[in-house]
Structure formats: C-alpha cells, structure tokens
Amino acid sequence: MTTWQQFETEAPMLAAAVQARLEDYNHHVLATMRRDGSPRLSGTEVEFRGRDLTVGMMLGAAKARDLRRDPRYALHTNPGDASMEEGDAKLSGVAAEVTDPAEFEALVGDESPAGSFDLFLLRLNQVALTAVRNDVLIIESWRPGKPRVRYERVKNGPAVRIVLR
C-alpha cells in the first residue's frame, strides 16, 4: 500500500485529475466488506488533510466497523452531471485508522477533538480514471511502482493498450 504523496510523485497528472474529481463533489461511494463478506456501499465524503487522503465518519458507523475488521476498501467518485469528459475515478487499497490522539490532532487541528469522529487514512493499491472524450473511452490506471497504463476504445472497437512512462 502507498500514500497519496507517492501516487502524486509517480503519476502527477493523473493524481491531479483524480484529486479534481474528489474535490468537485462532496459525495462519493465507499465500498467496504461486511462481516459475512458481502459488500457494503455507503455514501461518504473524503478530504485531503496535508498530503493524505482521508475519510471520516460518525462514531460507531457500520463502515468504520467494517474497516476495522477488514481494512480493504474501494472508492468511486461522483461522476457528475451528464458528461463523462472529466471522468470518474475509482480507488482501492487499505484504510488505516488514526487512533493516536497526536496524529489525529496533527491531521484535524482544532476542527474536532480526537474521539469525536472516526478517521482513516486511505492507502492506495490502484487508481483508475475513466473518461469519454469525442466518442473515445479512455481508462488510465496506476499501481504503485508500475508504469501507468492507458486504454483507448473507439466506439465498440477493440481497446488499445498504451504503457505510459
């Protein structure tokens, strides 16, 4: 797993585009795993705190319990209205709960005292941005330490894979 900062370093243009999608809308969809292994989808808000991508939630929220039991998550950004030109992003990885009061305060500041809500750092293992521009489906994908990959598909034709450096 890696930090948002590493993602920015390895894929700065993609990171900027994904950050814009995260900041353009308040509400996104977080997927966690229930105790029985089935998925739970929850509306959520994410924030950049310093150079970390975080998700906060009310104390005792089911999604917090899910993440404590199984920290794997997937996050789908709000795709916006009508057009897919700017794309929508999908992130996956492992959430790390902030339990140390000093770390919580460093991230949150005077906003709220530690223990007033649950806070998790979102670590990444994959990020993808999907867009449609001029009838071309474009998917750009990143994994830590690997080259970015871009797929382009014109209408219903075959997808072309391009490895980006």
N, C-alpha and C. Protein backbone atom coordinates (compact mmCIF):
# COMPACT_ATOMS: atom_id res chain seq x y z
N MET A 1 0.84 -1.18 0.00
CA MET A 1 0.00 0.00 0.00
C MET A 1 0.88 1.24 0.00
N THR A 2 0.33 2.29 -0.55
CA THR A 2 1.12 3.50 -0.63
C THR A 2 0.27 4.72 -0.30
N THR A 3 0.93 5.83 -0.14
CA THR A 3 0.28 7.08 0.24
C THR A 3 -0.14 7.86 -1.00
N TRP A 4 -1.00 8.84 -0.78
CA TRP A 4 -1.37 9.75 -1.86
C TRP A 4 -0.13 10.47 -2.36
N GLN A 5 0.78 10.80 -1.47
CA GLN A 5 2.00 11.50 -1.84
C GLN A 5 2.82 10.69 -2.85
N GLN A 6 2.94 9.39 -2.65
CA GLN A 6 3.67 8.56 -3.61
C GLN A 6 2.94 8.54 -4.95
N PHE A 7 1.62 8.44 -4.92
CA PHE A 7 0.84 8.50 -6.15
C PHE A 7 1.12 9.80 -6.90
N GLU A 8 1.12 10.93 -6.19
CA GLU A 8 1.41 12.23 -6.82
C GLU A 8 2.79 12.24 -7.45
N THR A 9 3.76 11.63 -6.77
CA THR A 9 5.13 11.61 -7.27
C THR A 9 5.25 10.75 -8.53
N GLU A 10 4.59 9.58 -8.52
CA GLU A 10 4.72 8.65 -9.65
C GLU A 10 3.83 9.00 -10.83
N ALA A 11 2.69 9.65 -10.58
CA ALA A 11 1.75 9.95 -11.66
C ALA A 11 1.10 11.31 -11.42
N PRO A 12 1.89 12.40 -11.51
CA PRO A 12 1.38 13.71 -11.11
C PRO A 12 0.16 14.20 -11.88
N MET A 13 0.11 13.98 -13.17
CA MET A 13 -1.03 14.46 -13.96
C MET A 13 -2.29 13.66 -13.63
N LEU A 14 -2.15 12.36 -13.49
CA LEU A 14 -3.29 11.53 -13.13
C LEU A 14 -3.76 11.87 -11.72
N ALA A 15 -2.83 12.05 -10.80
CA ALA A 15 -3.19 12.41 -9.42
C ALA A 15 -3.96 13.73 -9.39
N ALA A 16 -3.53 14.70 -10.17
CA ALA A 16 -4.22 15.99 -10.20
C ALA A 16 -5.64 15.83 -10.74
N ALA A 17 -5.80 15.02 -11.78
CA ALA A 17 -7.13 14.80 -12.36
C ALA A 17 -8.04 14.07 -11.36
N VAL A 18 -7.51 13.08 -10.67
CA VAL A 18 -8.30 12.34 -9.68
C VAL A 18 -8.64 13.24 -8.50
N GLN A 19 -7.68 14.04 -8.04
CA GLN A 19 -7.95 14.95 -6.94
C GLN A 19 -9.06 15.93 -7.32
N ALA A 20 -9.05 16.41 -8.55
CA ALA A 20 -10.12 17.32 -9.00
C ALA A 20 -11.47 16.63 -8.93
N ARG A 21 -11.53 15.36 -9.33
CA ARG A 21 -12.80 14.63 -9.26
C ARG A 21 -13.25 14.47 -7.81
N LEU A 22 -12.31 14.23 -6.91
CA LEU A 22 -12.65 14.09 -5.49
C LEU A 22 -13.13 15.40 -4.89
N GLU A 23 -12.57 16.51 -5.34
CA GLU A 23 -12.90 17.81 -4.76
C GLU A 23 -14.07 18.50 -5.45
N ASP A 24 -14.41 18.09 -6.67
CA ASP A 24 -15.51 18.72 -7.39
C ASP A 24 -16.87 18.43 -6.77
N TYR A 25 -16.99 17.31 -6.10
CA TYR A 25 -18.25 16.91 -5.48
C TYR A 25 -17.99 16.48 -4.05
N ASN A 26 -18.95 16.69 -3.18
CA ASN A 26 -18.80 16.30 -1.78
C ASN A 26 -19.04 14.82 -1.56
N HIS A 27 -19.94 14.23 -2.31
CA HIS A 27 -20.40 12.87 -2.01
C HIS A 27 -19.87 11.85 -3.02
N HIS A 28 -19.33 10.78 -2.47
CA HIS A 28 -18.79 9.68 -3.27
C HIS A 28 -19.32 8.37 -2.68
N VAL A 29 -18.92 7.25 -3.25
CA VAL A 29 -19.41 5.95 -2.78
C VAL A 29 -18.22 5.13 -2.30
N LEU A 30 -18.30 4.67 -1.04
CA LEU A 30 -17.27 3.85 -0.42
C LEU A 30 -17.79 2.43 -0.31
N ALA A 31 -16.99 1.48 -0.75
CA ALA A 31 -17.33 0.06 -0.60
C ALA A 31 -16.43 -0.54 0.47
N THR A 32 -17.06 -1.24 1.42
CA THR A 32 -16.35 -1.97 2.47
C THR A 32 -16.91 -3.38 2.49
N MET A 33 -16.31 -4.22 3.33
CA MET A 33 -16.76 -5.61 3.43
C MET A 33 -17.50 -5.83 4.75
N ARG A 34 -18.71 -6.35 4.65
CA ARG A 34 -19.48 -6.70 5.85
C ARG A 34 -18.85 -7.94 6.50
N ARG A 35 -19.29 -8.23 7.70
CA ARG A 35 -18.79 -9.40 8.44
C ARG A 35 -18.96 -10.69 7.63
N ASP A 36 -20.08 -10.81 6.89
CA ASP A 36 -20.34 -12.03 6.13
C ASP A 36 -19.62 -12.05 4.77
N GLY A 37 -18.84 -11.01 4.48
CA GLY A 37 -18.07 -10.96 3.23
C GLY A 37 -18.79 -10.27 2.09
N SER A 38 -20.04 -9.92 2.28
CA SER A 38 -20.76 -9.21 1.22
C SER A 38 -20.37 -7.73 1.24
N PRO A 39 -20.51 -7.05 0.10
CA PRO A 39 -20.11 -5.65 0.05
C PRO A 39 -21.13 -4.74 0.73
N ARG A 40 -20.62 -3.65 1.29
CA ARG A 40 -21.49 -2.59 1.82
C ARG A 40 -21.11 -1.32 1.06
N LEU A 41 -22.08 -0.67 0.45
CA LEU A 41 -21.87 0.61 -0.22
C LEU A 41 -22.42 1.71 0.65
N SER A 42 -21.62 2.74 0.87
CA SER A 42 -22.01 3.86 1.74
C SER A 42 -21.65 5.16 1.07
N GLY A 43 -22.52 6.12 1.18
CA GLY A 43 -22.15 7.47 0.76
C GLY A 43 -21.10 7.99 1.72
N THR A 44 -20.16 8.76 1.21
CA THR A 44 -19.10 9.28 2.08
C THR A 44 -18.51 10.54 1.50
N GLU A 45 -17.81 11.26 2.33
CA GLU A 45 -17.03 12.41 1.92
C GLU A 45 -15.57 12.10 2.23
N VAL A 46 -14.68 12.57 1.38
CA VAL A 46 -13.25 12.41 1.63
C VAL A 46 -12.62 13.79 1.68
N GLU A 47 -11.47 13.87 2.34
CA GLU A 47 -10.76 15.14 2.43
C GLU A 47 -9.26 14.91 2.32
N PHE A 48 -8.59 15.88 1.75
CA PHE A 48 -7.14 15.90 1.78
C PHE A 48 -6.74 16.66 3.03
N ARG A 49 -6.01 15.98 3.89
CA ARG A 49 -5.50 16.60 5.12
C ARG A 49 -3.99 16.52 5.01
N GLY A 50 -3.38 17.68 4.80
CA GLY A 50 -1.97 17.68 4.48
C GLY A 50 -1.80 17.00 3.14
N ARG A 51 -0.95 16.01 3.07
CA ARG A 51 -0.74 15.28 1.82
C ARG A 51 -1.38 13.90 1.89
N ASP A 52 -2.33 13.71 2.80
CA ASP A 52 -3.01 12.43 2.96
C ASP A 52 -4.46 12.54 2.51
N LEU A 53 -4.95 11.49 1.88
CA LEU A 53 -6.36 11.36 1.55
C LEU A 53 -7.01 10.64 2.72
N THR A 54 -8.05 11.24 3.28
CA THR A 54 -8.70 10.69 4.46
C THR A 54 -10.20 10.56 4.26
N VAL A 55 -10.78 9.68 5.06
CA VAL A 55 -12.24 9.57 5.14
C VAL A 55 -12.61 9.57 6.62
N GLY A 56 -13.55 10.41 6.95
CA GLY A 56 -14.04 10.48 8.31
C GLY A 56 -15.48 10.01 8.36
N MET A 57 -15.90 9.55 9.53
CA MET A 57 -17.28 9.08 9.67
C MET A 57 -17.73 9.21 11.10
N MET A 58 -19.04 9.23 11.28
CA MET A 58 -19.59 9.33 12.64
C MET A 58 -19.13 8.15 13.47
N LEU A 59 -18.96 8.39 14.75
CA LEU A 59 -18.60 7.33 15.67
C LEU A 59 -19.62 6.20 15.58
N GLY A 60 -19.12 4.98 15.55
CA GLY A 60 -20.00 3.81 15.53
C GLY A 60 -20.60 3.49 14.18
N ALA A 61 -20.19 4.17 13.12
CA ALA A 61 -20.74 3.89 11.79
C ALA A 61 -20.38 2.47 11.36
N ALA A 62 -21.29 1.84 10.66
CA ALA A 62 -21.07 0.47 10.19
C ALA A 62 -19.84 0.38 9.30
N LYS A 63 -19.61 1.40 8.47
CA LYS A 63 -18.45 1.35 7.58
C LYS A 63 -17.14 1.39 8.37
N ALA A 64 -17.13 2.09 9.52
CA ALA A 64 -15.93 2.10 10.38
C ALA A 64 -15.70 0.71 10.96
N ARG A 65 -16.76 0.08 11.42
CA ARG A 65 -16.62 -1.29 11.95
C ARG A 65 -16.11 -2.23 10.85
N ASP A 66 -16.64 -2.07 9.65
CA ASP A 66 -16.17 -2.89 8.52
C ASP A 66 -14.67 -2.71 8.31
N LEU A 67 -14.21 -1.46 8.29
CA LEU A 67 -12.80 -1.17 8.00
C LEU A 67 -11.88 -1.65 9.12
N ARG A 68 -12.36 -1.65 10.34
CA ARG A 68 -11.54 -2.19 11.43
C ARG A 68 -11.37 -3.69 11.29
N ARG A 69 -12.41 -4.36 10.86
CA ARG A 69 -12.38 -5.82 10.71
C ARG A 69 -11.61 -6.23 9.45
N ASP A 70 -11.85 -5.52 8.37
CA ASP A 70 -11.20 -5.80 7.08
C ASP A 70 -10.93 -4.45 6.43
N PRO A 71 -9.69 -3.96 6.44
CA PRO A 71 -9.41 -2.59 6.02
C PRO A 71 -9.46 -2.34 4.51
N ARG A 72 -9.76 -3.36 3.73
CA ARG A 72 -9.84 -3.14 2.28
C ARG A 72 -11.05 -2.26 1.94
N TYR A 73 -10.85 -1.38 0.97
CA TYR A 73 -11.93 -0.50 0.54
C TYR A 73 -11.84 -0.28 -0.97
N ALA A 74 -12.92 0.21 -1.54
CA ALA A 74 -12.94 0.76 -2.89
C ALA A 74 -13.73 2.06 -2.80
N LEU A 75 -13.32 3.05 -3.55
CA LEU A 75 -13.98 4.34 -3.55
C LEU A 75 -14.26 4.73 -4.99
N HIS A 76 -15.50 5.11 -5.26
CA HIS A 76 -15.90 5.56 -6.60
C HIS A 76 -16.34 7.01 -6.48
N THR A 77 -15.70 7.88 -7.25
CA THR A 77 -16.05 9.30 -7.18
C THR A 77 -17.39 9.53 -7.85
N ASN A 78 -18.01 10.61 -7.44
CA ASN A 78 -19.24 11.06 -8.08
C ASN A 78 -18.89 11.44 -9.52
N PRO A 79 -19.56 10.83 -10.52
CA PRO A 79 -19.21 11.12 -11.91
C PRO A 79 -19.72 12.46 -12.40
N GLY A 80 -20.53 13.15 -11.63
CA GLY A 80 -21.02 14.45 -12.04
C GLY A 80 -22.25 14.37 -12.93
N ASP A 81 -22.50 15.42 -13.62
CA ASP A 81 -23.70 15.54 -14.44
C ASP A 81 -23.42 15.20 -15.90
N ALA A 82 -24.22 14.34 -16.45
CA ALA A 82 -24.33 14.07 -17.89
C ALA A 82 -23.05 13.67 -18.61
N SER A 83 -22.03 14.48 -18.58
CA SER A 83 -20.83 14.23 -19.38
C SER A 83 -19.79 13.41 -18.60
N MET A 84 -19.12 12.53 -19.31
CA MET A 84 -18.01 11.77 -18.71
C MET A 84 -16.67 12.33 -19.19
N GLU A 85 -16.70 13.55 -19.71
CA GLU A 85 -15.50 14.13 -20.29
C GLU A 85 -14.37 14.27 -19.27
N GLU A 86 -14.71 14.70 -18.04
CA GLU A 86 -13.69 14.82 -16.99
C GLU A 86 -13.44 13.49 -16.31
N GLY A 87 -14.34 12.55 -16.52
CA GLY A 87 -14.14 11.20 -16.00
C GLY A 87 -14.63 11.00 -14.58
N ASP A 88 -14.57 9.76 -14.19
CA ASP A 88 -14.81 9.40 -12.80
C ASP A 88 -13.66 8.51 -12.37
N ALA A 89 -13.38 8.55 -11.09
CA ALA A 89 -12.21 7.84 -10.59
C ALA A 89 -12.64 6.70 -9.68
N LYS A 90 -11.82 5.66 -9.69
CA LYS A 90 -12.01 4.52 -8.80
C LYS A 90 -10.67 4.29 -8.11
N LEU A 91 -10.72 4.22 -6.78
CA LEU A 91 -9.52 4.00 -5.99
C LEU A 91 -9.75 2.77 -5.13
N SER A 92 -8.70 2.02 -4.88
CA SER A 92 -8.82 0.90 -3.96
C SER A 92 -7.53 0.78 -3.17
N GLY A 93 -7.66 0.15 -2.01
CA GLY A 93 -6.50 -0.01 -1.15
C GLY A 93 -6.91 -0.47 0.22
N VAL A 94 -6.17 0.01 1.21
CA VAL A 94 -6.39 -0.36 2.60
C VAL A 94 -6.51 0.93 3.41
N ALA A 95 -7.51 0.99 4.28
CA ALA A 95 -7.71 2.14 5.15
C ALA A 95 -6.99 1.89 6.48
N ALA A 96 -6.26 2.90 6.94
CA ALA A 96 -5.54 2.81 8.20
C ALA A 96 -6.18 3.78 9.19
N GLU A 97 -6.73 3.25 10.27
CA GLU A 97 -7.41 4.10 11.24
C GLU A 97 -6.40 4.96 12.01
N VAL A 98 -6.75 6.21 12.20
CA VAL A 98 -5.93 7.12 13.01
C VAL A 98 -6.42 6.99 14.45
N THR A 99 -5.62 6.34 15.28
CA THR A 99 -6.01 6.11 16.68
C THR A 99 -5.16 6.92 17.64
N ASP A 100 -4.00 7.37 17.22
CA ASP A 100 -3.12 8.15 18.08
C ASP A 100 -3.65 9.58 18.18
N PRO A 101 -3.95 10.07 19.38
CA PRO A 101 -4.51 11.42 19.53
C PRO A 101 -3.62 12.52 18.94
N ALA A 102 -2.32 12.38 19.05
CA ALA A 102 -1.41 13.40 18.50
C ALA A 102 -1.48 13.41 16.97
N GLU A 103 -1.53 12.23 16.35
CA GLU A 103 -1.64 12.16 14.89
C GLU A 103 -3.00 12.71 14.45
N PHE A 104 -4.05 12.36 15.19
CA PHE A 104 -5.39 12.87 14.88
C PHE A 104 -5.37 14.40 14.91
N GLU A 105 -4.81 14.96 15.97
CA GLU A 105 -4.76 16.42 16.10
C GLU A 105 -3.92 17.05 14.99
N ALA A 106 -2.82 16.41 14.61
CA ALA A 106 -1.98 16.94 13.53
C ALA A 106 -2.76 16.98 12.21
N LEU A 107 -3.61 16.00 11.99
CA LEU A 107 -4.39 15.94 10.75
C LEU A 107 -5.61 16.85 10.79
N VAL A 108 -6.26 16.92 11.94
CA VAL A 108 -7.54 17.61 12.04
C VAL A 108 -7.41 19.02 12.60
N GLY A 109 -6.40 19.25 13.43
CA GLY A 109 -6.22 20.55 14.06
C GLY A 109 -7.32 20.84 15.06
N ASP A 110 -7.78 22.06 15.08
CA ASP A 110 -8.80 22.48 16.04
C ASP A 110 -10.21 22.11 15.59
N GLU A 111 -10.32 21.52 14.41
CA GLU A 111 -11.64 21.20 13.86
C GLU A 111 -12.48 20.37 14.82
N SER A 112 -11.92 19.32 15.36
CA SER A 112 -12.64 18.44 16.29
C SER A 112 -11.62 17.73 17.16
N PRO A 113 -11.97 17.44 18.40
CA PRO A 113 -11.04 16.68 19.25
C PRO A 113 -11.02 15.21 18.85
N ALA A 114 -9.90 14.56 19.14
CA ALA A 114 -9.79 13.12 18.89
C ALA A 114 -10.94 12.41 19.59
N GLY A 115 -11.51 11.44 18.93
CA GLY A 115 -12.60 10.68 19.51
C GLY A 115 -13.96 11.25 19.16
N SER A 116 -14.02 12.40 18.46
CA SER A 116 -15.31 12.97 18.10
C SER A 116 -15.86 12.37 16.81
N PHE A 117 -14.99 11.76 16.03
CA PHE A 117 -15.38 11.00 14.84
C PHE A 117 -14.26 10.04 14.51
N ASP A 118 -14.56 9.04 13.70
CA ASP A 118 -13.54 8.08 13.28
C ASP A 118 -12.86 8.62 12.03
N LEU A 119 -11.55 8.47 11.95
CA LEU A 119 -10.77 8.99 10.84
C LEU A 119 -9.85 7.89 10.32
N PHE A 120 -9.83 7.72 9.01
CA PHE A 120 -8.98 6.72 8.37
C PHE A 120 -8.17 7.37 7.27
N LEU A 121 -6.90 6.96 7.16
CA LEU A 121 -6.05 7.33 6.03
C LEU A 121 -6.30 6.32 4.93
N LEU A 122 -6.52 6.79 3.71
CA LEU A 122 -6.76 5.88 2.60
C LEU A 122 -5.45 5.60 1.87
N ARG A 123 -4.92 4.41 2.06
CA ARG A 123 -3.72 3.97 1.36
C ARG A 123 -4.15 3.34 0.03
N LEU A 124 -3.31 3.43 -0.97
CA LEU A 124 -3.70 3.06 -2.33
C LEU A 124 -2.97 1.83 -2.84
N ASN A 125 -3.69 0.99 -3.58
CA ASN A 125 -3.03 -0.06 -4.35
C ASN A 125 -3.41 0.02 -5.82
N GLN A 126 -4.43 0.83 -6.15
CA GLN A 126 -4.77 1.06 -7.55
C GLN A 126 -5.66 2.28 -7.66
N VAL A 127 -5.42 3.05 -8.73
CA VAL A 127 -6.26 4.19 -9.06
C VAL A 127 -6.53 4.15 -10.55
N ALA A 128 -7.78 4.39 -10.93
CA ALA A 128 -8.14 4.43 -12.36
C ALA A 128 -9.06 5.62 -12.60
N LEU A 129 -8.87 6.27 -13.73
CA LEU A 129 -9.73 7.37 -14.15
C LEU A 129 -10.32 6.97 -15.50
N THR A 130 -11.65 6.98 -15.57
CA THR A 130 -12.36 6.60 -16.79
C THR A 130 -13.09 7.81 -17.34
N ALA A 131 -12.87 8.10 -18.62
CA ALA A 131 -13.50 9.26 -19.25
C ALA A 131 -13.96 8.87 -20.66
N VAL A 132 -14.88 9.67 -21.18
CA VAL A 132 -15.30 9.53 -22.57
C VAL A 132 -15.13 10.89 -23.21
N ARG A 133 -14.26 10.93 -24.22
CA ARG A 133 -13.98 12.18 -24.94
C ARG A 133 -14.05 11.92 -26.43
N ASN A 134 -14.88 12.69 -27.11
CA ASN A 134 -15.04 12.55 -28.56
C ASN A 134 -15.32 11.10 -28.96
N ASP A 135 -16.25 10.48 -28.25
CA ASP A 135 -16.66 9.08 -28.50
C ASP A 135 -15.54 8.07 -28.29
N VAL A 136 -14.51 8.44 -27.53
CA VAL A 136 -13.43 7.51 -27.22
C VAL A 136 -13.46 7.25 -25.71
N LEU A 137 -13.57 5.97 -25.34
CA LEU A 137 -13.48 5.57 -23.94
C LEU A 137 -12.00 5.52 -23.57
N ILE A 138 -11.64 6.25 -22.51
CA ILE A 138 -10.24 6.33 -22.08
C ILE A 138 -10.16 5.91 -20.62
N ILE A 139 -9.33 4.93 -20.34
CA ILE A 139 -9.11 4.49 -18.97
C ILE A 139 -7.62 4.57 -18.69
N GLU A 140 -7.26 5.35 -17.68
CA GLU A 140 -5.86 5.43 -17.27
C GLU A 140 -5.76 4.82 -15.88
N SER A 141 -4.79 3.93 -15.71
CA SER A 141 -4.67 3.17 -14.47
C SER A 141 -3.25 3.26 -13.92
N TRP A 142 -3.16 3.28 -12.59
CA TRP A 142 -1.87 3.35 -11.90
C TRP A 142 -1.86 2.36 -10.75
N ARG A 143 -0.71 1.72 -10.57
CA ARG A 143 -0.42 0.88 -9.41
C ARG A 143 0.96 1.28 -8.90
N PRO A 144 1.17 1.22 -7.58
CA PRO A 144 2.46 1.67 -7.03
C PRO A 144 3.65 0.96 -7.67
N GLY A 145 4.62 1.78 -8.08
CA GLY A 145 5.87 1.24 -8.60
C GLY A 145 5.78 0.65 -10.00
N LYS A 146 4.63 0.77 -10.66
CA LYS A 146 4.47 0.21 -12.01
C LYS A 146 4.18 1.34 -12.99
N PRO A 147 4.46 1.10 -14.27
CA PRO A 147 4.11 2.14 -15.25
C PRO A 147 2.60 2.33 -15.34
N ARG A 148 2.20 3.56 -15.60
CA ARG A 148 0.77 3.82 -15.84
C ARG A 148 0.38 3.14 -17.15
N VAL A 149 -0.87 2.74 -17.20
CA VAL A 149 -1.39 2.10 -18.40
C VAL A 149 -2.63 2.87 -18.84
N ARG A 150 -2.75 3.07 -20.13
CA ARG A 150 -3.91 3.78 -20.70
C ARG A 150 -4.54 2.88 -21.74
N TYR A 151 -5.86 2.76 -21.66
CA TYR A 151 -6.62 2.01 -22.64
C TYR A 151 -7.51 3.00 -23.38
N GLU A 152 -7.57 2.86 -24.69
CA GLU A 152 -8.45 3.70 -25.51
C GLU A 152 -9.29 2.79 -26.38
N ARG A 153 -10.59 3.08 -26.40
CA ARG A 153 -11.51 2.27 -27.19
C ARG A 153 -12.44 3.20 -27.95
N VAL A 154 -12.38 3.13 -29.26
CA VAL A 154 -13.23 3.96 -30.11
C VAL A 154 -14.52 3.19 -30.37
N LYS A 155 -15.63 3.83 -30.01
CA LYS A 155 -16.96 3.24 -30.14
C LYS A 155 -16.94 1.81 -29.63
N ASN A 156 -17.31 0.84 -30.43
CA ASN A 156 -17.32 -0.56 -29.97
C ASN A 156 -16.13 -1.35 -30.51
N GLY A 157 -15.09 -0.64 -30.91
CA GLY A 157 -13.91 -1.31 -31.44
C GLY A 157 -13.06 -1.91 -30.34
N PRO A 158 -11.94 -2.53 -30.73
CA PRO A 158 -11.06 -3.14 -29.72
C PRO A 158 -10.34 -2.05 -28.90
N ALA A 159 -10.02 -2.40 -27.68
CA ALA A 159 -9.27 -1.49 -26.81
C ALA A 159 -7.80 -1.55 -27.18
N VAL A 160 -7.17 -0.40 -27.19
CA VAL A 160 -5.74 -0.29 -27.46
C VAL A 160 -5.06 0.03 -26.14
N ARG A 161 -4.05 -0.76 -25.80
CA ARG A 161 -3.32 -0.60 -24.54
C ARG A 161 -2.04 0.17 -24.81
N ILE A 162 -1.82 1.22 -24.00
CA ILE A 162 -0.63 2.06 -24.13
C ILE A 162 0.04 2.12 -22.77
N VAL A 163 1.30 1.75 -22.70
CA VAL A 163 2.04 1.84 -21.44
C VAL A 163 2.71 3.21 -21.41
N LEU A 164 2.43 3.95 -20.34
CA LEU A 164 2.97 5.31 -20.18
C LEU A 164 4.14 5.30 -19.24
N ARG A 165 5.09 6.10 -19.48
CA ARG A 165 6.26 6.20 -18.59
C ARG A 165 6.18 7.44 -17.77
